[in-house]
Amino acid sequence: MAIDGTFNFRDVGGYPADGGTTRFGQLYRSDSLAGAVRVVLPIHGGSRSSMIEDGPVTLVSLYRQVLRDSAWAIATAVGVIADSGTQPVLVHCTAGKDRTGLVVALALEAAGVERSAVVADYTQSALNLDGAWTNNAMSAMVSLGVPISPQLFEALGGSPDHAMTTVLGWLDKEYGSTVGYLTAHGLLPESVVELREKLVG
C-alpha cells in the first residue's frame, strides 16, 4: 500500500485459511512509522544494533533466537491482535520483515491461514525493501564498520521462503504447532478463537 514514508506497508487480507479467507482491513504490517496509538512490546533480536553486537547470523538462527528470547512478547502481541475486536491493527518494526514477519506469520498460522500463504506473505518484504531501503541500510552498516557480505545483505533486506518455512517447521517439532508455541507462552485458548473470528471470514 502506498503510504508516505513507508516502504513495506501492506494488508494481510485475502489469504486462504481454514473456513474462508483472511479479512481485509483487520491486520496490517509495516516498516517504521509514527502517528498511531501504540502498544510497545520489545522483541529482542532482528534490529540493526543486534546484528552489529551479535555478528553475522543467518535469518534462521536469528529467528530461532528471537522466538526463544522474546516468546512472551510475541505471544502477547498475537493476543493484542486477537483482542482488538473489529479495530484494525498494524504490526511494525524497523523494516517490517523480521520481528514483524514473525508476529504476523504466527498470527496468520494461528488463525488457520495456509502455510504456503503465510510464507508467501513473508517473502513479499524483500521485494518491497529492494532498492532505496536496503541500500540505505547497507550503507549505514558499512559506516559502522560492518563488512559487506551476502549474509549481511540477506539479513538486512532478504526474506527467503526457506527461512520462514524452516522456522515454522522448527516450531512444529518443538511445540506441536504454532498455536502450541503461543499458548505455551501465555496466549489464552479463547484468544485463538477470537483471532480466527477477527482475521478469517
Protein backbone atom coordinates (compact mmCIF):
# COMPACT_ATOMS: atom_id res chain seq x y z
CA MET A 1 0.00 0.00 0.00
CA ALA A 2 1.31 3.46 -0.89
CA ILE A 3 1.67 5.17 2.50
CA ASP A 4 4.00 8.18 2.51
CA GLY A 5 7.22 7.49 4.40
CA THR A 6 6.91 3.71 4.33
CA PHE A 7 8.34 1.02 2.06
CA ASN A 8 6.70 -2.15 3.37
CA PHE A 9 3.13 -1.28 4.45
CA ARG A 10 0.52 -3.85 3.47
CA ASP A 11 -2.75 -5.53 4.36
CA VAL A 12 -2.69 -9.27 5.03
CA GLY A 13 -6.26 -9.78 3.81
CA GLY A 14 -7.19 -12.25 1.09
CA TYR A 15 -5.14 -15.27 2.14
CA PRO A 16 -6.76 -18.73 2.03
CA ALA A 17 -7.49 -20.04 5.51
CA ASP A 18 -9.40 -22.82 7.21
CA GLY A 19 -13.01 -21.72 6.90
CA GLY A 20 -12.56 -18.91 4.39
CA THR A 21 -10.03 -16.18 3.67
CA THR A 22 -8.37 -13.55 5.83
CA ARG A 23 -10.36 -10.34 6.13
CA PHE A 24 -9.11 -7.11 4.60
CA GLY A 25 -8.79 -4.09 6.86
CA GLN A 26 -8.08 -6.02 10.05
CA LEU A 27 -4.32 -6.68 10.19
CA TYR A 28 -1.60 -4.61 8.57
CA ARG A 29 2.17 -4.88 8.65
CA SER A 30 4.79 -2.24 8.01
CA ASP A 31 8.25 -0.85 8.48
CA SER A 32 8.75 2.03 10.92
CA LEU A 33 6.15 4.80 11.16
CA ALA A 34 4.62 7.31 13.61
CA GLY A 35 1.25 8.81 14.47
CA ALA A 36 -0.64 5.71 15.67
CA VAL A 37 -1.83 4.60 19.11
CA ARG A 38 0.98 2.27 20.12
CA VAL A 39 1.30 -0.91 22.16
CA VAL A 40 5.05 -1.27 22.73
CA LEU A 41 6.26 -4.86 23.05
CA PRO A 42 10.05 -5.03 22.72
CA ILE A 43 11.15 -8.08 20.76
CA HIS A 44 14.88 -8.58 21.11
CA GLY A 45 16.96 -9.51 18.09
CA GLY A 46 16.41 -8.65 14.46
CA SER A 47 17.36 -4.99 14.75
CA ARG A 48 20.40 -3.42 13.11
CA SER A 49 22.05 -2.94 16.51
CA SER A 50 21.67 -6.63 17.36
CA MET A 51 23.31 -7.58 14.07
CA ILE A 52 26.30 -5.43 14.97
CA GLU A 53 26.51 -6.78 18.52
CA ASP A 54 25.97 -10.43 17.67
CA GLY A 55 27.98 -10.56 14.46
CA PRO A 56 26.88 -12.12 11.16
CA VAL A 57 23.97 -14.51 11.63
CA THR A 58 21.66 -16.44 9.36
CA LEU A 59 18.00 -15.49 9.32
CA VAL A 60 17.04 -18.94 10.60
CA SER A 61 19.35 -18.71 13.61
CA LEU A 62 18.24 -15.12 14.22
CA TYR A 63 14.55 -16.09 14.14
CA ARG A 64 15.06 -19.02 16.47
CA GLN A 65 16.83 -16.72 18.91
CA VAL A 66 14.02 -14.18 18.73
CA LEU A 67 11.38 -16.88 19.26
CA ARG A 68 13.27 -18.19 22.29
CA ASP A 69 14.25 -14.89 23.88
CA SER A 70 11.05 -12.93 23.21
CA ALA A 71 8.43 -15.65 23.41
CA TRP A 72 6.25 -13.80 25.93
CA ALA A 73 6.29 -10.57 23.91
CA ILE A 74 5.42 -12.43 20.70
CA ALA A 75 2.54 -14.31 22.32
CA THR A 76 1.33 -11.07 23.90
CA ALA A 77 1.46 -9.29 20.53
CA VAL A 78 -0.66 -12.02 18.95
CA GLY A 79 -3.04 -11.70 21.91
CA VAL A 80 -3.35 -7.96 21.33
CA ILE A 81 -4.32 -8.65 17.71
CA ALA A 82 -6.88 -11.22 18.84
CA ASP A 83 -8.39 -8.94 21.49
CA SER A 84 -8.78 -5.91 19.21
CA GLY A 85 -12.26 -6.81 18.00
CA THR A 86 -13.06 -5.14 14.69
CA GLN A 87 -10.45 -2.40 15.15
CA PRO A 88 -7.63 -2.53 12.58
CA VAL A 89 -4.20 -3.48 13.94
CA LEU A 90 -0.79 -2.62 12.50
CA VAL A 91 2.32 -4.59 13.45
CA HIS A 92 5.60 -2.92 12.61
CA CYS A 93 9.32 -2.72 13.33
CA THR A 94 12.31 -1.12 11.60
CA ALA A 95 11.98 -2.98 8.30
CA GLY A 96 8.68 -4.76 8.78
CA LYS A 97 10.17 -8.14 7.83
CA ASP A 98 11.87 -9.92 10.75
CA ARG A 99 10.21 -9.17 14.10
CA THR A 100 7.05 -8.08 12.30
CA GLY A 101 7.35 -11.06 9.97
CA LEU A 102 7.42 -13.49 12.89
CA VAL A 103 4.47 -11.93 14.73
CA VAL A 104 2.34 -11.73 11.59
CA ALA A 105 3.29 -15.24 10.46
CA LEU A 106 2.36 -16.72 13.83
CA ALA A 107 -0.90 -14.75 13.96
CA LEU A 108 -1.86 -15.91 10.47
CA GLU A 109 -0.95 -19.53 11.22
CA ALA A 110 -2.88 -19.47 14.48
CA ALA A 111 -5.88 -18.10 12.58
CA GLY A 112 -5.75 -21.08 10.21
CA VAL A 113 -4.12 -19.48 7.18
CA GLU A 114 -2.48 -21.98 4.86
CA ARG A 115 1.26 -22.17 5.44
CA SER A 116 2.09 -21.55 1.79
CA ALA A 117 0.22 -18.23 2.03
CA VAL A 118 1.95 -17.34 5.32
CA VAL A 119 5.34 -17.93 3.69
CA ALA A 120 4.33 -16.01 0.56
CA ASP A 121 3.34 -13.01 2.70
CA TYR A 122 6.75 -13.13 4.40
CA THR A 123 8.68 -13.28 1.11
CA GLN A 124 6.96 -10.11 -0.16
CA SER A 125 9.10 -7.97 2.17
CA ALA A 126 12.28 -8.46 0.15
CA LEU A 127 10.55 -7.14 -2.96
CA ASN A 128 9.20 -4.12 -1.12
CA LEU A 129 12.51 -3.29 0.56
CA ASP A 130 14.67 -3.82 -2.53
CA GLY A 131 16.34 -0.64 -3.71
CA ALA A 132 16.44 2.50 -1.58
CA TRP A 133 15.62 0.93 1.78
CA THR A 134 18.13 -1.91 1.56
CA ASN A 135 20.81 0.31 0.02
CA ASN A 136 20.46 2.82 2.86
CA ALA A 137 20.56 0.06 5.46
CA MET A 138 23.70 -1.42 3.90
CA SER A 139 25.36 2.00 3.82
CA ALA A 140 24.55 2.55 7.48
CA MET A 141 26.07 -0.80 8.46
CA VAL A 142 29.20 -0.19 6.38
CA SER A 143 29.63 3.21 8.05
CA LEU A 144 29.70 1.35 11.38
CA GLY A 145 32.49 -0.93 10.16
CA VAL A 146 30.42 -4.00 9.33
CA PRO A 147 31.90 -5.82 6.30
CA ILE A 148 29.66 -6.32 3.29
CA SER A 149 28.68 -9.93 2.63
CA PRO A 150 25.83 -11.86 1.03
CA GLN A 151 24.83 -12.93 4.54
CA LEU A 152 24.56 -9.31 5.68
CA PHE A 153 22.56 -8.39 2.57
CA GLU A 154 20.08 -11.19 3.25
CA ALA A 155 19.82 -10.31 6.94
CA LEU A 156 19.06 -6.67 6.17
CA GLY A 157 16.79 -6.90 3.15
CA GLY A 158 16.08 -10.56 2.43
CA SER A 159 13.02 -12.67 3.22
CA PRO A 160 13.67 -16.03 1.52
CA ASP A 161 10.93 -18.64 1.75
CA HIS A 162 13.28 -21.22 3.26
CA ALA A 163 13.87 -19.07 6.33
CA MET A 164 10.23 -18.88 7.38
CA THR A 165 9.48 -22.45 6.27
CA THR A 166 12.38 -23.76 8.38
CA VAL A 167 11.43 -21.77 11.46
CA LEU A 168 7.75 -22.74 11.32
CA GLY A 169 8.81 -26.36 10.90
CA TRP A 170 11.04 -25.96 13.96
CA LEU A 171 8.05 -24.70 15.99
CA ASP A 172 6.03 -27.71 14.84
CA LYS A 173 8.78 -30.02 16.06
CA GLU A 174 9.33 -28.24 19.39
CA TYR A 175 5.73 -27.33 20.29
CA GLY A 176 3.49 -29.38 18.02
CA SER A 177 2.24 -26.31 16.19
CA THR A 178 2.38 -22.53 16.12
CA VAL A 179 -0.63 -22.45 18.44
CA GLY A 180 1.24 -24.78 20.79
CA TYR A 181 4.15 -22.31 20.93
CA LEU A 182 1.87 -19.33 21.53
CA THR A 183 -0.25 -20.96 24.24
CA ALA A 184 2.88 -22.29 25.95
CA HIS A 185 3.95 -18.67 26.34
CA GLY A 186 0.73 -17.13 27.55
CA LEU A 187 -1.77 -16.87 24.70
CA LEU A 188 -5.18 -17.93 26.00
CA PRO A 189 -7.14 -20.60 24.11
CA GLU A 190 -10.08 -18.20 23.80
CA SER A 191 -7.75 -15.70 22.14
CA VAL A 192 -7.07 -18.25 19.41
CA VAL A 193 -10.81 -18.41 18.74
CA GLU A 194 -11.04 -14.60 18.74
CA LEU A 195 -8.07 -14.37 16.37
CA ARG A 196 -9.75 -16.67 13.87
CA GLU A 197 -13.01 -14.73 14.13
CA LYS A 198 -11.16 -11.46 13.59
CA LEU A 199 -8.96 -12.47 10.68
CA VAL A 200 -10.91 -15.11 8.79
CA GLY A 201 -14.32 -14.68 7.21
